[in-house]
PDB file of N, CA and C in Angstrom:
ATOM      1  N   UNK A   1      -5.013  -9.698   2.493  1.00  0.00           N
ATOM      2  CA  UNK A   1      -3.517  -9.918   3.241  1.00  0.00           C
ATOM      3  C   UNK A   1      -2.684  -8.635   2.390  1.00  0.00           C
ATOM      4  N   UNK A   2      -1.840  -8.369   3.156  1.00  0.00           N
ATOM      5  CA  UNK A   2      -0.697  -7.334   3.216  1.00  0.00           C
ATOM      6  C   UNK A   2       0.575  -7.476   3.473  1.00  0.00           C
ATOM      7  N   UNK A   3       1.650  -6.386   3.128  1.00  0.00           N
ATOM      8  CA  UNK A   3       2.769  -6.878   3.285  1.00  0.00           C
ATOM      9  C   UNK A   3       3.386  -5.392   4.158  1.00  0.00           C
ATOM     10  N   UNK A   4       3.833  -5.208   5.437  1.00  0.00           N
ATOM     11  CA  UNK A   4       4.270  -4.064   5.957  1.00  0.00           C
ATOM     12  C   UNK A   4       5.664  -3.864   6.648  1.00  0.00           C
ATOM     13  N   UNK A   5       6.686  -2.991   5.749  1.00  0.00           N
ATOM     14  CA  UNK A   5       7.912  -3.204   6.629  1.00  0.00           C
ATOM     15  C   UNK A   5       8.076  -1.560   7.397  1.00  0.00           C
ATOM     16  N   UNK A   6       9.100  -1.650   8.194  1.00  0.00           N
ATOM     17  CA  UNK A   6       9.417  -0.089   9.106  1.00  0.00           C
ATOM     18  C   UNK A   6      10.822   0.106   8.188  1.00  0.00           C
ATOM     19  N   UNK A   7      11.125   1.194   7.640  1.00  0.00           N
ATOM     20  CA  UNK A   7      12.388   1.297   7.274  1.00  0.00           C
ATOM     21  C   UNK A   7      12.511   2.701   7.352  1.00  0.00           C
ATOM     22  N   UNK A   8      13.777   2.976   6.832  1.00  0.00           N
ATOM     23  CA  UNK A   8      13.996   4.775   7.129  1.00  0.00           C
ATOM     24  C   UNK A   8      14.551   5.067   8.518  1.00  0.00           C
ATOM     25  N   UNK A   9      15.579   4.507   9.078  1.00  0.00           N
ATOM     26  CA  UNK A   9      15.823   4.950  10.513  1.00  0.00           C
ATOM     27  C   UNK A   9      14.599   4.165  11.617  1.00  0.00           C
ATOM     28  N   UNK A  10      13.245   3.749  11.006  1.00  0.00           N
ATOM     29  CA  UNK A  10      12.670   3.295  11.947  1.00  0.00           C
ATOM     30  C   UNK A  10      11.180   4.280  11.607  1.00  0.00           C
ATOM     31  N   UNK A  11      11.416   4.858  10.723  1.00  0.00           N
ATOM     32  CA  UNK A  11      10.393   6.203  10.284  1.00  0.00           C
ATOM     33  C   UNK A  11       9.423   5.900   9.260  1.00  0.00           C
ATOM     34  N   UNK A  12       8.998   4.997   8.549  1.00  0.00           N
ATOM     35  CA  UNK A  12       8.592   5.241   7.149  1.00  0.00           C
ATOM     36  C   UNK A  12       8.005   3.348   7.563  1.00  0.00           C
ATOM     37  N   UNK A  13       6.570   3.420   7.445  1.00  0.00           N
ATOM     38  CA  UNK A  13       5.862   2.194   7.120  1.00  0.00           C
ATOM     39  C   UNK A  13       5.815   1.969   5.712  1.00  0.00           C
ATOM     40  N   UNK A  14       6.348   0.963   5.176  1.00  0.00           N
ATOM     41  CA  UNK A  14       6.049   0.816   3.659  1.00  0.00           C
ATOM     42  C   UNK A  14       4.989  -0.276   3.500  1.00  0.00           C
ATOM     43  N   UNK A  15       3.891   0.056   2.858  1.00  0.00           N
ATOM     44  CA  UNK A  15       2.637  -0.893   2.610  1.00  0.00           C
ATOM     45  C   UNK A  15       2.750  -1.179   1.168  1.00  0.00           C
ATOM     46  N   UNK A  16       2.871  -2.920   1.034  1.00  0.00           N
ATOM     47  CA  UNK A  16       2.942  -3.436  -0.422  1.00  0.00           C
ATOM     48  C   UNK A  16       2.223  -4.779  -0.206  1.00  0.00           C
ATOM     49  N   UNK A  17       2.043  -5.223  -1.869  1.00  0.00           N
ATOM     50  CA  UNK A  17       1.131  -6.445  -1.650  1.00  0.00           C
ATOM     51  C   UNK A  17      -0.136  -6.668  -1.059  1.00  0.00           C
ATOM     52  N   UNK A  18      -0.578  -5.774  -1.148  1.00  0.00           N
ATOM     53  CA  UNK A  18      -2.414  -5.554  -0.951  1.00  0.00           C
ATOM     54  C   UNK A  18      -3.217  -6.616  -1.490  1.00  0.00           C
ATOM     55  N   UNK A  19      -3.559  -7.104  -0.941  1.00  0.00           N
ATOM     56  CA  UNK A  19      -4.590  -8.115  -1.976  1.00  0.00           C
ATOM     57  C   UNK A  19      -5.657  -8.432  -1.383  1.00  0.00           C
ATOM     58  N   UNK A  20      -7.078  -8.365  -1.813  1.00  0.00           N
ATOM     59  CA  UNK A  20      -8.160  -9.116  -1.564  1.00  0.00           C
ATOM     60  C   UNK A  20      -9.116  -9.803  -2.620  1.00  0.00           C
ATOM     61  N   UNK A  21      -9.057 -11.011  -2.257  1.00  0.00           N
ATOM     62  CA  UNK A  21     -10.066 -11.894  -2.974  1.00  0.00           C
ATOM     63  C   UNK A  21     -10.939 -11.067  -3.956  1.00  0.00           C
ATOM     64  N   UNK A  22     -10.968 -11.061  -5.192  1.00  0.00           N
ATOM     65  CA  UNK A  22     -12.028 -10.515  -6.202  1.00  0.00           C
ATOM     66  C   UNK A  22     -13.248 -10.773  -5.482  1.00  0.00           C
ATOM     67  N   UNK A  23     -13.965 -12.004  -4.861  1.00  0.00           N
ATOM     68  CA  UNK A  23     -15.240 -12.011  -4.222  1.00  0.00           C
ATOM     69  C   UNK A  23     -15.475 -11.257  -3.275  1.00  0.00           C
ATOM     70  N   UNK A  24     -14.523 -10.681  -2.701  1.00  0.00           N
ATOM     71  CA  UNK A  24     -14.501 -10.101  -1.172  1.00  0.00           C
ATOM     72  C   UNK A  24     -14.168  -8.824  -1.406  1.00  0.00           C
ATOM     73  N   UNK A  25     -14.256  -7.965  -2.797  1.00  0.00           N
ATOM     74  CA  UNK A  25     -13.715  -6.597  -2.488  1.00  0.00           C
ATOM     75  C   UNK A  25     -14.976  -5.825  -2.697  1.00  0.00           C
ATOM     76  N   UNK A  26     -14.687  -4.420  -1.936  1.00  0.00           N
ATOM     77  CA  UNK A  26     -15.712  -3.556  -1.575  1.00  0.00           C
ATOM     78  C   UNK A  26     -16.233  -3.685  -0.386  1.00  0.00           C
ATOM     79  N   UNK A  27     -15.929  -4.554   0.553  1.00  0.00           N
ATOM     80  CA  UNK A  27     -16.478  -4.694   1.430  1.00  0.00           C
ATOM     81  C   UNK A  27     -15.545  -4.074   3.111  1.00  0.00           C
ATOM     82  N   UNK A  28     -14.303  -3.677   2.461  1.00  0.00           N
ATOM     83  CA  UNK A  28     -13.924  -3.078   3.963  1.00  0.00           C
ATOM     84  C   UNK A  28     -12.697  -3.585   4.020  1.00  0.00           C
ATOM     85  N   UNK A  29     -12.525  -4.731   3.682  1.00  0.00           N
ATOM     86  CA  UNK A  29     -11.186  -5.332   4.049  1.00  0.00           C
ATOM     87  C   UNK A  29      -9.998  -4.960   3.722  1.00  0.00           C
ATOM     88  N   UNK A  30      -9.782  -4.333   2.688  1.00  0.00           N
ATOM     89  CA  UNK A  30      -8.443  -3.475   2.327  1.00  0.00           C
ATOM     90  C   UNK A  30      -8.227  -2.207   3.263  1.00  0.00           C
ATOM     91  N   UNK A  31      -8.940  -1.449   3.852  1.00  0.00           N
ATOM     92  CA  UNK A  31      -9.100  -0.814   4.775  1.00  0.00           C
ATOM     93  C   UNK A  31      -8.842  -0.925   5.367  1.00  0.00           C
ATOM     94  N   UNK A  32      -9.511  -2.258   6.279  1.00  0.00           N
ATOM     95  CA  UNK A  32      -8.778  -2.552   7.594  1.00  0.00           C
ATOM     96  C   UNK A  32      -7.359  -3.093   7.530  1.00  0.00           C
ATOM     97  N   UNK A  33      -6.901  -4.095   6.408  1.00  0.00           N
ATOM     98  CA  UNK A  33      -6.085  -4.111   6.686  1.00  0.00           C
ATOM     99  C   UNK A  33      -4.698  -2.943   6.631  1.00  0.00           C
ATOM    100  N   UNK A  34      -4.662  -1.843   5.670  1.00  0.00           N
ATOM    101  CA  UNK A  34      -3.881  -0.527   5.627  1.00  0.00           C
ATOM    102  C   UNK A  34      -4.283   0.011   6.781  1.00  0.00           C
ATOM    103  N   UNK A  35      -5.243  -0.123   7.690  1.00  0.00           N
ATOM    104  CA  UNK A  35      -5.310   0.262   8.872  1.00  0.00           C
ATOM    105  C   UNK A  35      -4.416  -0.580  10.073  1.00  0.00           C
ATOM    106  N   UNK A  36      -4.577  -1.749  10.164  1.00  0.00           N
ATOM    107  CA  UNK A  36      -3.884  -2.455  11.125  1.00  0.00           C
ATOM    108  C   UNK A  36      -2.412  -2.456  10.611  1.00  0.00           C
ATOM    109  N   UNK A  37      -2.089  -2.058   9.491  1.00  0.00           N
ATOM    110  CA  UNK A  37      -0.301  -1.984   9.160  1.00  0.00           C
ATOM    111  C   UNK A  37      -0.384  -0.952   9.945  1.00  0.00           C
ATOM    112  N   UNK A  38      -0.861   0.166   9.365  1.00  0.00           N
ATOM    113  CA  UNK A  38      -0.687   1.476  10.042  1.00  0.00           C
ATOM    114  C   UNK A  38      -0.360   1.228  11.759  1.00  0.00           C
ATOM    115  N   UNK A  39      -1.317   0.744  12.510  1.00  0.00           N
ATOM    116  CA  UNK A  39      -1.215   0.652  13.849  1.00  0.00           C
ATOM    117  C   UNK A  39       0.054  -0.099  14.404  1.00  0.00           C
ATOM    118  N   UNK A  40       0.595  -1.316  13.479  1.00  0.00           N
ATOM    119  CA  UNK A  40       1.672  -2.209  13.781  1.00  0.00           C
ATOM    120  C   UNK A  40       2.672  -1.220  13.355  1.00  0.00           C
ATOM    121  N   UNK A  41       3.017  -0.275  12.172  1.00  0.00           N
ATOM    122  CA  UNK A  41       4.208   0.440  12.310  1.00  0.00           C
ATOM    123  C   UNK A  41       3.792   1.268  13.076  1.00  0.00           C
ATOM    124  N   UNK A  42       2.878   2.247  13.259  1.00  0.00           N
ATOM    125  CA  UNK A  42       3.204   3.130  14.519  1.00  0.00           C
ATOM    126  C   UNK A  42       3.546   2.759  16.030  1.00  0.00           C
ATOM    127  N   UNK A  43       3.274   1.457  16.380  1.00  0.00           N
ATOM    128  CA  UNK A  43       3.627   0.895  17.399  1.00  0.00           C
ATOM    129  C   UNK A  43       5.263   0.373  17.332  1.00  0.00           C
ATOM    130  N   UNK A  44       5.891   0.497  15.814  1.00  0.00           N
ATOM    131  CA  UNK A  44       7.120   0.149  15.821  1.00  0.00           C
ATOM    132  C   UNK A  44       7.674   1.214  15.749  1.00  0.00           C
ATOM    133  N   UNK A  45       7.227   2.569  15.892  1.00  0.00           N
ATOM    134  CA  UNK A  45       7.603   3.910  15.365  1.00  0.00           C
ATOM    135  C   UNK A  45       7.881   4.600  14.370  1.00  0.00           C
ATOM    136  N   UNK A  46       6.672   3.987  13.233  1.00  0.00           N
ATOM    137  CA  UNK A  46       6.882   4.935  12.345  1.00  0.00           C
ATOM    138  C   UNK A  46       6.027   5.572  12.275  1.00  0.00           C
ATOM    139  N   UNK A  47       6.069   7.107  11.751  1.00  0.00           N
ATOM    140  CA  UNK A  47       5.305   8.061  11.819  1.00  0.00           C
ATOM    141  C   UNK A  47       4.904   8.626  10.813  1.00  0.00           C
ATOM    142  N   UNK A  48       5.241   8.059   9.519  1.00  0.00           N
ATOM    143  CA  UNK A  48       5.004   8.336   8.076  1.00  0.00           C
ATOM    144  C   UNK A  48       4.666   6.951   7.252  1.00  0.00           C
ATOM    145  N   UNK A  49       3.806   7.002   5.911  1.00  0.00           N
ATOM    146  CA  UNK A  49       3.857   5.774   5.064  1.00  0.00           C
ATOM    147  C   UNK A  49       3.826   6.158   4.018  1.00  0.00           C
ATOM    148  N   UNK A  50       4.191   5.340   3.473  1.00  0.00           N
ATOM    149  CA  UNK A  50       4.274   4.851   1.675  1.00  0.00           C
ATOM    150  C   UNK A  50       3.865   3.971   1.238  1.00  0.00           C
ATOM    151  N   UNK A  51       3.638   4.023  -0.040  1.00  0.00           N
ATOM    152  CA  UNK A  51       2.974   2.681  -0.595  1.00  0.00           C
ATOM    153  C   UNK A  51       3.149   2.757  -2.466  1.00  0.00           C
ATOM    154  N   UNK A  52       3.732   1.589  -3.086  1.00  0.00           N
ATOM    155  CA  UNK A  52       3.488   1.875  -4.356  1.00  0.00           C
ATOM    156  C   UNK A  52       2.144   1.095  -5.135  1.00  0.00           C
ATOM    157  N   UNK A  53       1.629   1.310  -5.995  1.00  0.00           N
ATOM    158  CA  UNK A  53       0.688   1.102  -6.623  1.00  0.00           C
ATOM    159  C   UNK A  53       0.920   1.446  -8.117  1.00  0.00           C
ATOM    160  N   UNK A  54       0.090   0.591  -8.838  1.00  0.00           N
ATOM    161  CA  UNK A  54       0.469   0.834 -10.659  1.00  0.00           C
ATOM    162  C   UNK A  54      -1.016   1.709 -10.599  1.00  0.00           C
ATOM    163  N   UNK A  55      -0.608   2.571 -11.447  1.00  0.00           N
ATOM    164  CA  UNK A  55      -1.503   3.746 -11.897  1.00  0.00           C
ATOM    165  C   UNK A  55      -2.295   2.853 -12.527  1.00  0.00           C
ATOM    166  N   UNK A  56      -2.987   1.960 -13.062  1.00  0.00           N
ATOM    167  CA  UNK A  56      -3.725   1.609 -14.196  1.00  0.00           C
ATOM    168  C   UNK A  56      -4.557   0.662 -12.875  1.00  0.00           C
ATOM    169  N   UNK A  57      -4.443   0.766 -11.740  1.00  0.00           N
ATOM    170  CA  UNK A  57      -5.582  -0.027 -10.895  1.00  0.00           C
ATOM    171  C   UNK A  57      -5.917   1.241 -10.160  1.00  0.00           C
ATOM    172  N   UNK A  58      -6.890   1.294 -10.966  1.00  0.00           N
ATOM    173  CA  UNK A  58      -7.723   2.624 -10.149  1.00  0.00           C
ATOM    174  C   UNK A  58      -8.394   2.355  -9.146  1.00  0.00           C
ATOM    175  N   UNK A  59      -9.216   1.261  -8.747  1.00  0.00           N
ATOM    176  CA  UNK A  59      -9.864   0.909  -7.672  1.00  0.00           C
ATOM    177  C   UNK A  59      -8.765   1.225  -6.473  1.00  0.00           C
ATOM    178  N   UNK A  60      -7.315   0.484  -6.570  1.00  0.00           N
ATOM    179  CA  UNK A  60      -6.721   0.721  -5.306  1.00  0.00           C
ATOM    180  C   UNK A  60      -6.242   2.340  -4.967  1.00  0.00           C
ATOM    181  N   UNK A  61      -5.507   2.747  -6.361  1.00  0.00           N
ATOM    182  CA  UNK A  61      -5.332   4.375  -6.347  1.00  0.00           C
ATOM    183  C   UNK A  61      -6.709   5.076  -5.326  1.00  0.00           C
ATOM    184  N   UNK A  62      -7.866   4.576  -5.966  1.00  0.00           N
ATOM    185  CA  UNK A  62      -8.732   5.605  -5.517  1.00  0.00           C
ATOM    186  C   UNK A  62      -8.936   5.155  -3.614  1.00  0.00           C
ATOM    187  N   UNK A  63      -8.564   3.915  -3.568  1.00  0.00           N
ATOM    188  CA  UNK A  63      -8.774   3.510  -2.080  1.00  0.00           C
ATOM    189  C   UNK A  63      -7.716   4.328  -1.072  1.00  0.00           C
ATOM    190  N   UNK A  64      -6.823   4.400  -2.151  1.00  0.00           N
ATOM    191  CA  UNK A  64      -5.602   4.890  -1.199  1.00  0.00           C
ATOM    192  C   UNK A  64      -5.802   6.714  -1.113  1.00  0.00           C
ATOM    193  N   UNK A  65      -6.150   7.021  -2.305  1.00  0.00           N
ATOM    194  CA  UNK A  65      -6.812   8.265  -1.732  1.00  0.00           C
ATOM    195  C   UNK A  65      -7.512   8.772  -0.759  1.00  0.00           C
ATOM    196  N   UNK A  66      -8.722   7.937  -0.690  1.00  0.00           N
ATOM    197  CA  UNK A  66      -9.733   8.255   0.128  1.00  0.00           C
ATOM    198  C   UNK A  66      -9.155   7.915   1.673  1.00  0.00           C
ATOM    199  N   UNK A  67      -8.196   7.391   1.688  1.00  0.00           N
ATOM    200  CA  UNK A  67      -7.098   7.282   3.159  1.00  0.00           C
ATOM    201  C   UNK A  67      -6.177   8.310   3.407  1.00  0.00           C
ATOM    202  N   UNK A  68      -6.118   9.081   2.203  1.00  0.00           N
ATOM    203  CA  UNK A  68      -5.445  10.176   2.672  1.00  0.00           C
ATOM    204  C   UNK A  68      -3.879  10.228   1.950  1.00  0.00           C
ATOM    205  N   UNK A  69      -3.693   9.238   1.079  1.00  0.00           N
ATOM    206  CA  UNK A  69      -2.481   9.063   0.416  1.00  0.00           C
ATOM    207  C   UNK A  69      -2.307   9.918  -1.156  1.00  0.00           C
ATOM    208  N   UNK A  70      -1.346  10.281  -1.324  1.00  0.00           N
ATOM    209  CA  UNK A  70      -1.536  11.035  -2.652  1.00  0.00           C
ATOM    210  C   UNK A  70       0.222  10.784  -3.679  1.00  0.00           C
ATOM    211  N   UNK A  71       0.009  11.154  -4.753  1.00  0.00           N
ATOM    212  CA  UNK A  71       1.100  10.555  -5.722  1.00  0.00           C
ATOM    213  C   UNK A  71       2.127  11.382  -5.100  1.00  0.00           C
ATOM    214  N   UNK A  72       3.073  11.130  -4.928  1.00  0.00           N
ATOM    215  CA  UNK A  72       4.306  11.723  -4.456  1.00  0.00           C
ATOM    216  C   UNK A  72       5.353  11.477  -5.980  1.00  0.00           C
ATOM    217  N   UNK A  73       5.548  10.754  -6.671  1.00  0.00           N
ATOM    218  CA  UNK A  73       6.051  10.359  -7.962  1.00  0.00           C
ATOM    219  C   UNK A  73       5.579   8.839  -8.625  1.00  0.00           C
ATOM    220  N   UNK A  74       6.171   9.181 -10.054  1.00  0.00           N
ATOM    221  CA  UNK A  74       5.767   7.633 -10.597  1.00  0.00           C
ATOM    222  C   UNK A  74       7.008   7.220 -11.049  1.00  0.00           C
ATOM    223  N   UNK A  75       6.411   6.043 -11.484  1.00  0.00           N
ATOM    224  CA  UNK A  75       7.791   4.890 -11.870  1.00  0.00           C
ATOM    225  C   UNK A  75       7.020   4.246 -13.090  1.00  0.00           C
ATOM    226  N   UNK A  76       8.061   3.793 -13.575  1.00  0.00           N
ATOM    227  CA  UNK A  76       8.209   2.540 -14.699  1.00  0.00           C
ATOM    228  C   UNK A  76       8.253   1.162 -14.464  1.00  0.00           C
ATOM    229  N   UNK A  77       7.504   0.615 -14.284  1.00  0.00           N
ATOM    230  CA  UNK A  77       7.957  -1.155 -14.615  1.00  0.00           C
ATOM    231  C   UNK A  77       8.465  -1.852 -15.706  1.00  0.00           C
ATOM    232  N   UNK A  78       9.311  -2.279 -15.756  1.00  0.00           N
ATOM    233  CA  UNK A  78      10.229  -2.676 -16.868  1.00  0.00           C
ATOM    234  C   UNK A  78       9.987  -4.391 -16.535  1.00  0.00           C
ATOM    235  N   UNK A  79       9.889  -5.060 -18.080  1.00  0.00           N
ATOM    236  CA  UNK A  79       9.549  -6.136 -18.269  1.00  0.00           C
ATOM    237  C   UNK A  79      10.599  -6.841 -19.215  1.00  0.00           C
ATOM    238  N   UNK A  80      11.474  -7.959 -18.727  1.00  0.00           N
ATOM    239  CA  UNK A  80      12.380  -8.400 -19.740  1.00  0.00           C
ATOM    240  C   UNK A  80      11.521  -9.235 -20.893  1.00  0.00           C
ATOM    241  N   UNK A  81      12.376  -9.239 -22.000  1.00  0.00           N
ATOM    242  CA  UNK A  81      11.602  -9.765 -23.122  1.00  0.00           C
ATOM    243  C   UNK A  81      11.893 -10.765 -23.241  1.00  0.00           C
ATOM    244  N   UNK A  82      10.686 -11.708 -23.881  1.00  0.00           N
ATOM    245  CA  UNK A  82      10.799 -13.190 -23.909  1.00  0.00           C
ATOM    246  C   UNK A  82      12.081 -13.766 -24.130  1.00  0.00           C
ATOM    247  N   UNK A  83      12.532 -14.807 -24.040  1.00  0.00           N
ATOM    248  CA  UNK A  83      13.611 -15.599 -24.266  1.00  0.00           C
ATOM    249  C   UNK A  83      13.455 -16.137 -25.351  1.00  0.00           C
TER     250      UNK A  83
END
């Protein structure tokens, strides 16, 4: 499953929340979801795509690299302290 949004005056497809069940990984499902989202985004007028992924998620980083994505910048996720 994954989420796609078309933003930036309709030029950008944002891919997020991509998840494959652990027992179904490495079977091409993530590639199929990204390609389906890319097709949908293109039909909606998107000509570029972006995504965010945790750097520590090496499997996802490698998947996106194989699909042609490169690192544009990095970010830091902050978590509120426990109450």
